[in-house]
Amino acid sequence: MKPAASIHDHGVYLDSDLSMRLHITPLVCTCFGVLRQIRSIRRSLPRQSVLTLISSLVMSKLDYCNVAFTGLPRRELDRLQSVMNAAARLTVGAQRHDHITPLLADLHWLRIPQRIQYKLCVLVFNSVHGSAPRYLQEVIRPVANVEPRRRLRSASSADLTVPATRRSTLTGRPRLCRGRSACLEHYLMQSCGAYNPTILNAH
C-alpha cells in the first residue's frame, strides 16, 4: 500500500504537508464562479436577496472547516480574502476601487484571519467546557486537568496541553498552541465589553 499525496474527507482536501493549496485553489475558483453568476442578476434583486445568496453560496464555503486554515501563510489567506472582498463589493454595489474596510464594517463581516480565530475560540471553548466531541476534549485539555501537572505552578494558569507532533514539517502550523492565545484574547475582549458577537453574521 502506497501513501497518498492527498486525501478528500468531508469536503476538505488535505495534502501531505498541510499547505491546503489543494483545497484553497478550487474553493477560490468555485466562489468566484458563483459571484459571476450572482452579478449577472444583481440588478434584478434587492440587496437583502443578494446578501442571502452570497451568505449561503459563498460565505458558507469560506467558513466551512476554516480552522484547518490556522497558521497558513498570509498569501493563502489573502486569496480567500479576495473572495470576501469581491462578495462585499457585489453585495453593496460598490466599485472595485472602493476601500473594503468600511464595506466589511457595514456588512458586519470579519476578515478571514479573524473568522478563523473566532472559530478556533469557539472550538477551544467547547472543548474545555465539555460540549465538543470527545476526541477533541481528549486533545485540548487545561493543564490543571492533567494528572502529572496538577501540582505545578502552571496548573493555575489558563494554559492548555499541546500534543507533540512527529512531523517536523508541521511545526510551522501549531494549531492548538494558537488556541490558547486566541481564546484568552476572546475572553479579555468579552469581559471588557468590546466583543460584539453580532459582527459575525449567521450563515
N, C-alpha and C. Protein backbone atom coordinates (compact mmCIF):
# COMPACT_ATOMS: atom_id res chain seq x y z
N MET A 1 0.84 -1.19 0.00
CA MET A 1 0.00 0.00 0.00
C MET A 1 0.88 1.26 0.00
N LYS A 2 0.65 2.14 -0.97
CA LYS A 2 1.44 3.35 -1.08
C LYS A 2 0.73 4.51 -0.40
N PRO A 3 1.49 5.36 0.29
CA PRO A 3 0.85 6.52 0.93
C PRO A 3 0.31 7.49 -0.13
N ALA A 4 -0.82 8.09 0.16
CA ALA A 4 -1.45 9.03 -0.76
C ALA A 4 -0.88 10.43 -0.57
N ALA A 5 -0.74 11.16 -1.66
CA ALA A 5 -0.24 12.53 -1.59
C ALA A 5 -1.29 13.48 -1.05
N SER A 6 -2.56 13.10 -1.14
CA SER A 6 -3.63 13.94 -0.63
C SER A 6 -4.86 13.07 -0.36
N ILE A 7 -5.74 13.58 0.48
CA ILE A 7 -6.99 12.89 0.78
C ILE A 7 -8.14 13.89 0.73
N HIS A 8 -9.32 13.37 0.51
CA HIS A 8 -10.53 14.20 0.48
C HIS A 8 -11.49 13.66 1.51
N ASP A 9 -11.75 14.45 2.55
CA ASP A 9 -12.58 13.97 3.65
C ASP A 9 -13.54 15.07 4.07
N HIS A 10 -14.83 14.75 4.07
CA HIS A 10 -15.86 15.70 4.47
C HIS A 10 -15.77 17.03 3.71
N GLY A 11 -15.45 16.94 2.42
CA GLY A 11 -15.41 18.14 1.60
C GLY A 11 -14.14 18.95 1.70
N VAL A 12 -13.14 18.45 2.41
CA VAL A 12 -11.88 19.17 2.58
C VAL A 12 -10.75 18.34 1.99
N TYR A 13 -9.91 18.97 1.17
CA TYR A 13 -8.74 18.32 0.61
C TYR A 13 -7.54 18.61 1.50
N LEU A 14 -6.87 17.55 1.91
CA LEU A 14 -5.67 17.68 2.74
C LEU A 14 -4.49 17.09 1.98
N ASP A 15 -3.44 17.90 1.78
CA ASP A 15 -2.24 17.40 1.14
C ASP A 15 -1.24 16.96 2.19
N SER A 16 -0.15 16.35 1.75
CA SER A 16 0.78 15.71 2.67
C SER A 16 1.48 16.70 3.59
N ASP A 17 1.65 17.96 3.15
CA ASP A 17 2.33 18.95 4.00
C ASP A 17 1.37 19.95 4.63
N LEU A 18 0.06 19.69 4.50
CA LEU A 18 -0.98 20.55 5.08
C LEU A 18 -0.87 22.00 4.64
N SER A 19 -0.44 22.20 3.40
CA SER A 19 -0.39 23.57 2.87
C SER A 19 -1.77 24.08 2.50
N MET A 20 -2.74 23.17 2.33
CA MET A 20 -4.13 23.47 1.99
C MET A 20 -4.31 24.10 0.62
N ARG A 21 -3.24 24.14 -0.18
CA ARG A 21 -3.37 24.71 -1.52
C ARG A 21 -4.32 23.89 -2.38
N LEU A 22 -4.28 22.58 -2.20
CA LEU A 22 -5.15 21.71 -2.98
C LEU A 22 -6.62 21.96 -2.67
N HIS A 23 -6.90 22.50 -1.51
CA HIS A 23 -8.28 22.81 -1.13
C HIS A 23 -8.63 24.26 -1.48
N ILE A 24 -7.71 25.17 -1.25
CA ILE A 24 -8.00 26.60 -1.43
C ILE A 24 -8.16 26.97 -2.90
N THR A 25 -7.33 26.39 -3.77
CA THR A 25 -7.40 26.76 -5.20
C THR A 25 -8.77 26.48 -5.80
N PRO A 26 -9.31 25.27 -5.69
CA PRO A 26 -10.67 25.06 -6.24
C PRO A 26 -11.74 25.83 -5.49
N LEU A 27 -11.53 26.07 -4.19
CA LEU A 27 -12.50 26.83 -3.41
C LEU A 27 -12.62 28.25 -3.94
N VAL A 28 -11.48 28.88 -4.19
CA VAL A 28 -11.48 30.25 -4.71
C VAL A 28 -12.12 30.29 -6.09
N CYS A 29 -11.79 29.33 -6.94
CA CYS A 29 -12.37 29.29 -8.29
C CYS A 29 -13.88 29.11 -8.23
N THR A 30 -14.34 28.22 -7.37
CA THR A 30 -15.78 27.98 -7.24
C THR A 30 -16.51 29.22 -6.75
N CYS A 31 -15.95 29.89 -5.75
CA CYS A 31 -16.61 31.07 -5.19
C CYS A 31 -16.68 32.21 -6.21
N PHE A 32 -15.61 32.43 -6.94
CA PHE A 32 -15.64 33.48 -7.95
C PHE A 32 -16.63 33.13 -9.06
N GLY A 33 -16.75 31.85 -9.37
CA GLY A 33 -17.74 31.44 -10.36
C GLY A 33 -19.16 31.74 -9.89
N VAL A 34 -19.44 31.48 -8.63
CA VAL A 34 -20.76 31.79 -8.07
C VAL A 34 -21.00 33.29 -8.07
N LEU A 35 -19.98 34.07 -7.73
CA LEU A 35 -20.13 35.53 -7.72
C LEU A 35 -20.43 36.07 -9.12
N ARG A 36 -19.81 35.48 -10.13
CA ARG A 36 -20.09 35.92 -11.51
C ARG A 36 -21.55 35.65 -11.87
N GLN A 37 -22.07 34.51 -11.44
CA GLN A 37 -23.47 34.21 -11.72
C GLN A 37 -24.42 35.16 -10.99
N ILE A 38 -24.09 35.46 -9.73
CA ILE A 38 -24.93 36.39 -8.97
C ILE A 38 -24.85 37.79 -9.58
N ARG A 39 -23.68 38.18 -10.05
CA ARG A 39 -23.51 39.51 -10.64
C ARG A 39 -24.41 39.68 -11.88
N SER A 40 -24.64 38.60 -12.59
CA SER A 40 -25.44 38.69 -13.81
C SER A 40 -26.91 39.01 -13.51
N ILE A 41 -27.36 38.75 -12.29
CA ILE A 41 -28.76 39.04 -11.92
C ILE A 41 -28.84 40.07 -10.80
N ARG A 42 -27.73 40.69 -10.49
CA ARG A 42 -27.65 41.61 -9.36
C ARG A 42 -28.68 42.74 -9.45
N ARG A 43 -28.87 43.31 -10.62
CA ARG A 43 -29.76 44.47 -10.76
C ARG A 43 -31.23 44.09 -10.60
N SER A 44 -31.53 42.82 -10.70
CA SER A 44 -32.92 42.38 -10.58
C SER A 44 -33.30 41.99 -9.16
N LEU A 45 -32.35 42.06 -8.26
CA LEU A 45 -32.58 41.60 -6.89
C LEU A 45 -32.37 42.72 -5.88
N PRO A 46 -33.16 42.75 -4.81
CA PRO A 46 -32.88 43.69 -3.72
C PRO A 46 -31.63 43.28 -2.97
N ARG A 47 -31.08 44.21 -2.21
CA ARG A 47 -29.82 43.94 -1.52
C ARG A 47 -29.93 42.75 -0.57
N GLN A 48 -31.05 42.63 0.14
CA GLN A 48 -31.18 41.54 1.10
C GLN A 48 -31.15 40.19 0.41
N SER A 49 -31.73 40.10 -0.77
CA SER A 49 -31.71 38.84 -1.51
C SER A 49 -30.29 38.51 -1.97
N VAL A 50 -29.56 39.53 -2.41
CA VAL A 50 -28.17 39.31 -2.81
C VAL A 50 -27.34 38.86 -1.61
N LEU A 51 -27.58 39.49 -0.47
CA LEU A 51 -26.85 39.11 0.75
C LEU A 51 -27.16 37.67 1.14
N THR A 52 -28.40 37.27 1.00
CA THR A 52 -28.78 35.89 1.33
C THR A 52 -28.10 34.90 0.41
N LEU A 53 -28.07 35.20 -0.87
CA LEU A 53 -27.41 34.31 -1.84
C LEU A 53 -25.92 34.20 -1.56
N ILE A 54 -25.28 35.33 -1.31
CA ILE A 54 -23.83 35.32 -1.07
C ILE A 54 -23.51 34.62 0.25
N SER A 55 -24.33 34.84 1.26
CA SER A 55 -24.08 34.19 2.55
C SER A 55 -24.19 32.68 2.44
N SER A 56 -25.18 32.21 1.70
CA SER A 56 -25.41 30.77 1.61
C SER A 56 -24.52 30.07 0.59
N LEU A 57 -24.14 30.76 -0.48
CA LEU A 57 -23.40 30.12 -1.56
C LEU A 57 -21.91 30.42 -1.56
N VAL A 58 -21.50 31.49 -0.89
CA VAL A 58 -20.09 31.89 -0.90
C VAL A 58 -19.50 31.88 0.51
N MET A 59 -20.10 32.67 1.42
CA MET A 59 -19.52 32.79 2.75
C MET A 59 -19.53 31.46 3.50
N SER A 60 -20.55 30.66 3.28
CA SER A 60 -20.61 29.35 3.94
C SER A 60 -19.46 28.47 3.50
N LYS A 61 -19.04 28.60 2.25
CA LYS A 61 -17.90 27.82 1.74
C LYS A 61 -16.59 28.31 2.35
N LEU A 62 -16.46 29.62 2.51
CA LEU A 62 -15.24 30.17 3.11
C LEU A 62 -15.11 29.77 4.58
N ASP A 63 -16.25 29.65 5.26
CA ASP A 63 -16.23 29.35 6.69
C ASP A 63 -16.19 27.86 6.99
N TYR A 64 -16.48 27.03 6.00
CA TYR A 64 -16.56 25.59 6.26
C TYR A 64 -15.18 25.03 6.61
N CYS A 65 -15.07 24.46 7.79
CA CYS A 65 -13.81 23.85 8.26
C CYS A 65 -12.64 24.83 8.17
N ASN A 66 -12.91 26.13 8.41
CA ASN A 66 -11.83 27.11 8.25
C ASN A 66 -10.79 27.05 9.36
N VAL A 67 -11.03 26.27 10.42
CA VAL A 67 -10.00 26.08 11.44
C VAL A 67 -8.78 25.40 10.82
N ALA A 68 -8.99 24.64 9.76
CA ALA A 68 -7.87 23.98 9.07
C ALA A 68 -6.93 24.99 8.43
N PHE A 69 -7.36 26.26 8.31
CA PHE A 69 -6.51 27.30 7.72
C PHE A 69 -5.63 27.99 8.75
N THR A 70 -5.75 27.61 10.01
CA THR A 70 -4.95 28.24 11.06
C THR A 70 -3.45 28.08 10.78
N GLY A 71 -2.72 29.18 10.82
CA GLY A 71 -1.28 29.13 10.64
C GLY A 71 -0.81 29.12 9.21
N LEU A 72 -1.73 29.22 8.24
CA LEU A 72 -1.31 29.24 6.84
C LEU A 72 -0.59 30.53 6.52
N PRO A 73 0.28 30.52 5.50
CA PRO A 73 0.94 31.76 5.09
C PRO A 73 -0.08 32.81 4.66
N ARG A 74 0.30 34.04 4.80
CA ARG A 74 -0.62 35.14 4.50
C ARG A 74 -1.07 35.11 3.04
N ARG A 75 -0.20 34.68 2.15
CA ARG A 75 -0.58 34.67 0.73
C ARG A 75 -1.78 33.76 0.47
N GLU A 76 -1.89 32.69 1.22
CA GLU A 76 -3.02 31.80 1.04
C GLU A 76 -4.29 32.42 1.62
N LEU A 77 -4.17 33.05 2.78
CA LEU A 77 -5.33 33.72 3.37
C LEU A 77 -5.77 34.91 2.54
N ASP A 78 -4.81 35.57 1.88
CA ASP A 78 -5.16 36.71 1.01
C ASP A 78 -6.01 36.26 -0.17
N ARG A 79 -5.80 35.04 -0.65
CA ARG A 79 -6.62 34.53 -1.74
C ARG A 79 -8.07 34.38 -1.29
N LEU A 80 -8.26 33.89 -0.07
CA LEU A 80 -9.60 33.78 0.47
C LEU A 80 -10.21 35.15 0.74
N GLN A 81 -9.36 36.08 1.22
CA GLN A 81 -9.85 37.43 1.49
C GLN A 81 -10.29 38.12 0.22
N SER A 82 -9.63 37.84 -0.90
CA SER A 82 -10.01 38.46 -2.17
C SER A 82 -11.43 38.03 -2.57
N VAL A 83 -11.80 36.80 -2.24
CA VAL A 83 -13.16 36.34 -2.50
C VAL A 83 -14.15 37.12 -1.64
N MET A 84 -13.83 37.27 -0.36
CA MET A 84 -14.71 38.01 0.54
C MET A 84 -14.84 39.46 0.10
N ASN A 85 -13.75 40.08 -0.31
CA ASN A 85 -13.79 41.47 -0.77
C ASN A 85 -14.71 41.61 -1.98
N ALA A 86 -14.59 40.69 -2.92
CA ALA A 86 -15.45 40.73 -4.10
C ALA A 86 -16.90 40.53 -3.73
N ALA A 87 -17.16 39.64 -2.77
CA ALA A 87 -18.53 39.39 -2.32
C ALA A 87 -19.11 40.62 -1.64
N ALA A 88 -18.30 41.31 -0.84
CA ALA A 88 -18.78 42.52 -0.15
C ALA A 88 -19.10 43.62 -1.15
N ARG A 89 -18.24 43.81 -2.14
CA ARG A 89 -18.49 44.86 -3.15
C ARG A 89 -19.73 44.55 -3.97
N LEU A 90 -19.92 43.28 -4.28
CA LEU A 90 -21.10 42.90 -5.04
C LEU A 90 -22.37 43.10 -4.22
N THR A 91 -22.31 42.82 -2.94
CA THR A 91 -23.48 42.94 -2.08
C THR A 91 -23.97 44.37 -1.97
N VAL A 92 -23.04 45.30 -1.77
CA VAL A 92 -23.42 46.70 -1.57
C VAL A 92 -23.40 47.50 -2.87
N GLY A 93 -22.98 46.88 -3.96
CA GLY A 93 -22.93 47.57 -5.24
C GLY A 93 -21.79 48.56 -5.36
N ALA A 94 -20.68 48.28 -4.68
CA ALA A 94 -19.53 49.18 -4.70
C ALA A 94 -18.65 48.90 -5.91
N GLN A 95 -17.79 49.85 -6.20
CA GLN A 95 -16.85 49.71 -7.30
C GLN A 95 -15.59 48.99 -6.83
N ARG A 96 -14.81 48.51 -7.79
CA ARG A 96 -13.63 47.73 -7.45
C ARG A 96 -12.60 48.54 -6.69
N HIS A 97 -12.52 49.85 -6.94
CA HIS A 97 -11.50 50.67 -6.29
C HIS A 97 -11.95 51.20 -4.94
N ASP A 98 -13.20 50.95 -4.55
CA ASP A 98 -13.69 51.42 -3.25
C ASP A 98 -12.99 50.68 -2.11
N HIS A 99 -12.69 51.42 -1.05
CA HIS A 99 -11.97 50.83 0.08
C HIS A 99 -12.84 49.77 0.74
N ILE A 100 -12.23 48.64 1.08
CA ILE A 100 -13.01 47.48 1.54
C ILE A 100 -13.37 47.56 3.02
N THR A 101 -12.58 48.22 3.85
CA THR A 101 -12.82 48.21 5.29
C THR A 101 -14.20 48.71 5.69
N PRO A 102 -14.65 49.89 5.19
CA PRO A 102 -15.99 50.34 5.58
C PRO A 102 -17.10 49.43 5.03
N LEU A 103 -16.85 48.76 3.92
CA LEU A 103 -17.86 47.85 3.37
C LEU A 103 -18.03 46.64 4.28
N LEU A 104 -16.91 46.08 4.75
CA LEU A 104 -16.98 44.94 5.66
C LEU A 104 -17.63 45.33 6.99
N ALA A 105 -17.33 46.54 7.45
CA ALA A 105 -17.94 47.01 8.70
C ALA A 105 -19.45 47.18 8.53
N ASP A 106 -19.86 47.69 7.37
CA ASP A 106 -21.29 47.88 7.11
C ASP A 106 -22.03 46.55 7.07
N LEU A 107 -21.37 45.51 6.56
CA LEU A 107 -21.98 44.18 6.49
C LEU A 107 -21.80 43.37 7.77
N HIS A 108 -21.00 43.89 8.71
CA HIS A 108 -20.66 43.17 9.95
C HIS A 108 -19.95 41.85 9.63
N TRP A 109 -19.01 41.91 8.72
CA TRP A 109 -18.22 40.73 8.35
C TRP A 109 -16.82 40.86 8.91
N LEU A 110 -16.35 39.84 9.58
CA LEU A 110 -14.96 39.78 9.99
C LEU A 110 -14.09 39.38 8.80
N ARG A 111 -12.86 39.82 8.82
CA ARG A 111 -11.91 39.37 7.80
C ARG A 111 -11.57 37.91 8.01
N ILE A 112 -10.96 37.31 7.00
CA ILE A 112 -10.67 35.88 7.03
C ILE A 112 -9.86 35.48 8.27
N PRO A 113 -8.75 36.16 8.59
CA PRO A 113 -7.99 35.74 9.79
C PRO A 113 -8.82 35.80 11.07
N GLN A 114 -9.67 36.84 11.19
CA GLN A 114 -10.49 36.96 12.39
C GLN A 114 -11.60 35.91 12.42
N ARG A 115 -12.12 35.52 11.26
CA ARG A 115 -13.14 34.47 11.22
C ARG A 115 -12.54 33.14 11.65
N ILE A 116 -11.31 32.90 11.23
CA ILE A 116 -10.63 31.68 11.64
C ILE A 116 -10.39 31.69 13.15
N GLN A 117 -9.94 32.84 13.65
CA GLN A 117 -9.68 32.96 15.09
C GLN A 117 -10.97 32.78 15.89
N TYR A 118 -12.06 33.36 15.41
CA TYR A 118 -13.34 33.22 16.09
C TYR A 118 -13.75 31.75 16.17
N LYS A 119 -13.63 31.03 15.04
CA LYS A 119 -14.00 29.62 15.03
C LYS A 119 -13.08 28.82 15.95
N LEU A 120 -11.80 29.18 15.99
CA LEU A 120 -10.85 28.50 16.87
C LEU A 120 -11.20 28.73 18.33
N CYS A 121 -11.61 29.96 18.66
CA CYS A 121 -12.02 30.27 20.03
C CYS A 121 -13.22 29.43 20.43
N VAL A 122 -14.20 29.33 19.53
CA VAL A 122 -15.39 28.54 19.82
C VAL A 122 -15.02 27.08 20.02
N LEU A 123 -14.13 26.57 19.17
CA LEU A 123 -13.72 25.18 19.26
C LEU A 123 -13.01 24.89 20.57
N VAL A 124 -12.10 25.78 20.97
CA VAL A 124 -11.38 25.60 22.22
C VAL A 124 -12.33 25.73 23.41
N PHE A 125 -13.22 26.70 23.37
CA PHE A 125 -14.17 26.91 24.47
C PHE A 125 -15.04 25.67 24.65
N ASN A 126 -15.58 25.15 23.54
CA ASN A 126 -16.43 23.97 23.63
C ASN A 126 -15.66 22.75 24.13
N SER A 127 -14.41 22.64 23.72
CA SER A 127 -13.60 21.50 24.15
C SER A 127 -13.31 21.56 25.64
N VAL A 128 -12.97 22.76 26.12
CA VAL A 128 -12.64 22.92 27.54
C VAL A 128 -13.86 22.73 28.43
N HIS A 129 -15.03 23.11 27.93
CA HIS A 129 -16.26 23.06 28.75
C HIS A 129 -17.12 21.83 28.47
N GLY A 130 -16.57 20.86 27.73
CA GLY A 130 -17.23 19.58 27.60
C GLY A 130 -18.35 19.47 26.59
N SER A 131 -18.49 20.45 25.69
CA SER A 131 -19.56 20.38 24.70
C SER A 131 -19.06 20.04 23.30
N ALA A 132 -17.77 19.75 23.17
CA ALA A 132 -17.20 19.34 21.89
C ALA A 132 -17.14 17.82 21.83
N PRO A 133 -16.93 17.24 20.65
CA PRO A 133 -16.79 15.79 20.56
C PRO A 133 -15.67 15.29 21.48
N ARG A 134 -15.82 14.06 21.94
CA ARG A 134 -14.89 13.52 22.93
C ARG A 134 -13.45 13.50 22.43
N TYR A 135 -13.26 13.21 21.14
CA TYR A 135 -11.89 13.12 20.64
C TYR A 135 -11.18 14.47 20.71
N LEU A 136 -11.94 15.57 20.64
CA LEU A 136 -11.34 16.89 20.80
C LEU A 136 -11.09 17.20 22.27
N GLN A 137 -12.01 16.80 23.12
CA GLN A 137 -11.82 17.03 24.55
C GLN A 137 -10.58 16.31 25.08
N GLU A 138 -10.27 15.15 24.49
CA GLU A 138 -9.10 14.40 24.93
C GLU A 138 -7.79 15.05 24.49
N VAL A 139 -7.86 15.87 23.44
CA VAL A 139 -6.66 16.52 22.92
C VAL A 139 -6.47 17.91 23.52
N ILE A 140 -7.56 18.67 23.61
CA ILE A 140 -7.50 20.04 24.11
C ILE A 140 -7.93 20.02 25.58
N ARG A 141 -6.97 20.04 26.48
CA ARG A 141 -7.26 19.96 27.91
C ARG A 141 -6.48 21.02 28.67
N PRO A 142 -7.10 21.65 29.68
CA PRO A 142 -6.35 22.57 30.54
C PRO A 142 -5.26 21.82 31.29
N VAL A 143 -4.18 22.51 31.58
CA VAL A 143 -3.07 21.89 32.31
C VAL A 143 -3.55 21.38 33.66
N ALA A 144 -4.51 22.08 34.27
CA ALA A 144 -5.00 21.68 35.59
C ALA A 144 -5.70 20.33 35.58
N ASN A 145 -6.11 19.87 34.39
CA ASN A 145 -6.80 18.59 34.29
C ASN A 145 -5.87 17.43 33.97
N VAL A 146 -4.59 17.72 33.82
CA VAL A 146 -3.60 16.68 33.53
C VAL A 146 -2.97 16.23 34.83
N GLU A 147 -3.13 14.99 35.17
CA GLU A 147 -2.73 14.48 36.49
C GLU A 147 -1.28 14.80 36.86
N PRO A 148 -0.29 14.54 35.99
CA PRO A 148 1.10 14.80 36.40
C PRO A 148 1.42 16.27 36.62
N ARG A 149 0.54 17.18 36.15
CA ARG A 149 0.88 18.60 36.22
C ARG A 149 -0.05 19.39 37.13
N ARG A 150 -0.93 18.73 37.84
CA ARG A 150 -1.90 19.44 38.67
C ARG A 150 -1.25 20.24 39.79
N ARG A 151 -0.13 19.78 40.30
CA ARG A 151 0.51 20.45 41.43
C ARG A 151 1.56 21.46 41.00
N LEU A 152 1.72 21.61 39.71
CA LEU A 152 2.69 22.58 39.22
C LEU A 152 2.10 23.99 39.24
N ARG A 153 2.97 24.98 39.23
CA ARG A 153 2.51 26.36 39.24
C ARG A 153 1.69 26.68 37.99
N SER A 154 2.02 26.05 36.87
CA SER A 154 1.31 26.32 35.62
C SER A 154 -0.13 25.85 35.65
N ALA A 155 -0.48 25.00 36.63
CA ALA A 155 -1.86 24.49 36.72
C ALA A 155 -2.85 25.60 37.05
N SER A 156 -2.38 26.70 37.64
CA SER A 156 -3.27 27.80 37.99
C SER A 156 -3.46 28.77 36.83
N SER A 157 -2.77 28.54 35.72
CA SER A 157 -2.89 29.42 34.55
C SER A 157 -3.96 28.89 33.61
N ALA A 158 -4.14 29.59 32.50
CA ALA A 158 -5.14 29.17 31.50
C ALA A 158 -4.49 28.35 30.39
N ASP A 159 -3.29 27.83 30.65
CA ASP A 159 -2.59 27.08 29.61
C ASP A 159 -3.33 25.80 29.24
N LEU A 160 -3.17 25.41 28.00
CA LEU A 160 -3.72 24.16 27.50
C LEU A 160 -2.59 23.23 27.10
N THR A 161 -2.82 21.95 27.24
CA THR A 161 -1.80 20.98 26.81
C THR A 161 -1.80 20.90 25.29
N VAL A 162 -0.61 20.78 24.73
CA VAL A 162 -0.45 20.70 23.28
C VAL A 162 0.26 19.41 22.95
N PRO A 163 -0.41 18.47 22.29
CA PRO A 163 0.23 17.21 21.92
C PRO A 163 1.42 17.44 21.00
N ALA A 164 2.46 16.66 21.19
CA ALA A 164 3.64 16.77 20.34
C ALA A 164 3.34 16.19 18.96
N THR A 165 3.99 16.74 17.94
CA THR A 165 3.84 16.24 16.58
C THR A 165 5.10 15.52 16.15
N ARG A 166 4.96 14.51 15.34
CA ARG A 166 6.11 13.75 14.86
C ARG A 166 6.64 14.28 13.54
N ARG A 167 5.89 15.17 12.92
CA ARG A 167 6.28 15.68 11.63
C ARG A 167 6.94 17.05 11.78
N SER A 168 8.21 17.15 11.40
CA SER A 168 8.90 18.43 11.51
C SER A 168 8.29 19.47 10.58
N THR A 169 7.66 19.02 9.48
CA THR A 169 7.08 19.96 8.53
C THR A 169 5.82 20.61 9.06
N LEU A 170 5.29 20.10 10.18
CA LEU A 170 4.07 20.66 10.73
C LEU A 170 4.35 21.69 11.82
N THR A 171 5.61 21.87 12.17
CA THR A 171 5.92 22.75 13.29
C THR A 171 5.61 24.20 12.98
N GLY A 172 5.50 24.54 11.70
CA GLY A 172 5.15 25.92 11.35
C GLY A 172 3.69 26.21 11.52
N ARG A 173 2.87 25.19 11.86
CA ARG A 173 1.44 25.40 11.97
C ARG A 173 0.91 24.82 13.28
N PRO A 174 1.32 25.39 14.42
CA PRO A 174 0.87 24.85 15.71
C PRO A 174 -0.55 25.28 16.04
N ARG A 175 -1.54 24.51 15.60
CA ARG A 175 -2.93 24.91 15.76
C ARG A 175 -3.32 25.08 17.22
N LEU A 176 -2.99 24.08 18.05
CA LEU A 176 -3.51 24.09 19.41
C LEU A 176 -2.86 25.16 20.28
N CYS A 177 -1.56 25.38 20.09
CA CYS A 177 -0.93 26.40 20.91
C CYS A 177 -1.44 27.79 20.53
N ARG A 178 -1.92 27.95 19.28
CA ARG A 178 -2.55 29.21 18.91
C ARG A 178 -3.90 29.35 19.59
N GLY A 179 -4.51 28.21 19.90
CA GLY A 179 -5.81 28.23 20.52
C GLY A 179 -5.81 28.95 21.86
N ARG A 180 -4.73 28.79 22.62
CA ARG A 180 -4.69 29.41 23.95
C ARG A 180 -4.69 30.92 23.84
N SER A 181 -3.79 31.51 23.03
CA SER A 181 -3.72 32.96 22.94
C SER A 181 -4.98 33.54 22.33
N ALA A 182 -5.54 32.86 21.32
CA ALA A 182 -6.76 33.35 20.70
C ALA A 182 -7.92 33.31 21.68
N CYS A 183 -8.03 32.23 22.42
CA CYS A 183 -9.14 32.08 23.36
C CYS A 183 -9.03 33.09 24.50
N LEU A 184 -7.83 33.31 24.99
CA LEU A 184 -7.64 34.29 26.06
C LEU A 184 -7.99 35.69 25.58
N GLU A 185 -7.60 36.00 24.35
CA GLU A 185 -7.93 37.32 23.80
C GLU A 185 -9.45 37.47 23.70
N HIS A 186 -10.11 36.40 23.32
CA HIS A 186 -11.57 36.41 23.23
C HIS A 186 -12.19 36.70 24.60
N TYR A 187 -11.71 36.03 25.63
CA TYR A 187 -12.24 36.23 26.97
C TYR A 187 -12.01 37.66 27.44
N LEU A 188 -10.81 38.20 27.17
CA LEU A 188 -10.49 39.55 27.61
C LEU A 188 -11.40 40.57 26.93
N MET A 189 -11.59 40.41 25.62
CA MET A 189 -12.44 41.35 24.89
C MET A 189 -13.88 41.26 25.37
N GLN A 190 -14.33 40.04 25.67
CA GLN A 190 -15.70 39.86 26.13
C GLN A 190 -15.90 40.50 27.51
N SER A 191 -14.92 40.30 28.39
CA SER A 191 -15.05 40.84 29.75
C SER A 191 -15.00 42.36 29.77
N CYS A 192 -14.34 42.95 28.76
CA CYS A 192 -14.26 44.41 28.69
C CYS A 192 -15.44 45.01 27.93
N GLY A 193 -16.32 44.16 27.42
CA GLY A 193 -17.47 44.67 26.69
C GLY A 193 -17.15 45.09 25.28
N ALA A 194 -15.94 44.75 24.79
CA ALA A 194 -15.56 45.18 23.45
C ALA A 194 -15.90 44.15 22.40
N TYR A 195 -16.28 42.96 22.83
CA TYR A 195 -16.56 41.90 21.87
C TYR A 195 -18.03 41.93 21.48
N ASN A 196 -18.30 41.92 20.19
CA ASN A 196 -19.67 42.01 19.69
C ASN A 196 -19.96 40.81 18.81
N PRO A 197 -20.63 39.77 19.33
CA PRO A 197 -20.88 38.57 18.55
C PRO A 197 -21.68 38.82 17.29
N THR A 198 -22.46 39.90 17.25
CA THR A 198 -23.29 40.15 16.08
C THR A 198 -22.49 40.56 14.87
N ILE A 199 -21.18 40.80 15.05
CA ILE A 199 -20.37 41.20 13.91
C ILE A 199 -20.18 40.07 12.93
N LEU A 200 -20.37 38.83 13.42
CA LEU A 200 -20.23 37.68 12.56
C LEU A 200 -21.62 37.19 12.18
N ASN A 201 -22.02 37.45 10.95
CA ASN A 201 -23.37 37.07 10.51
C ASN A 201 -23.56 35.58 10.54
N ALA A 202 -24.74 35.14 10.79
CA ALA A 202 -25.08 33.72 10.72
C ALA A 202 -25.08 33.28 9.27
N HIS A 203 -24.65 32.04 9.04
CA HIS A 203 -24.62 31.52 7.69
C HIS A 203 -24.90 30.03 7.74
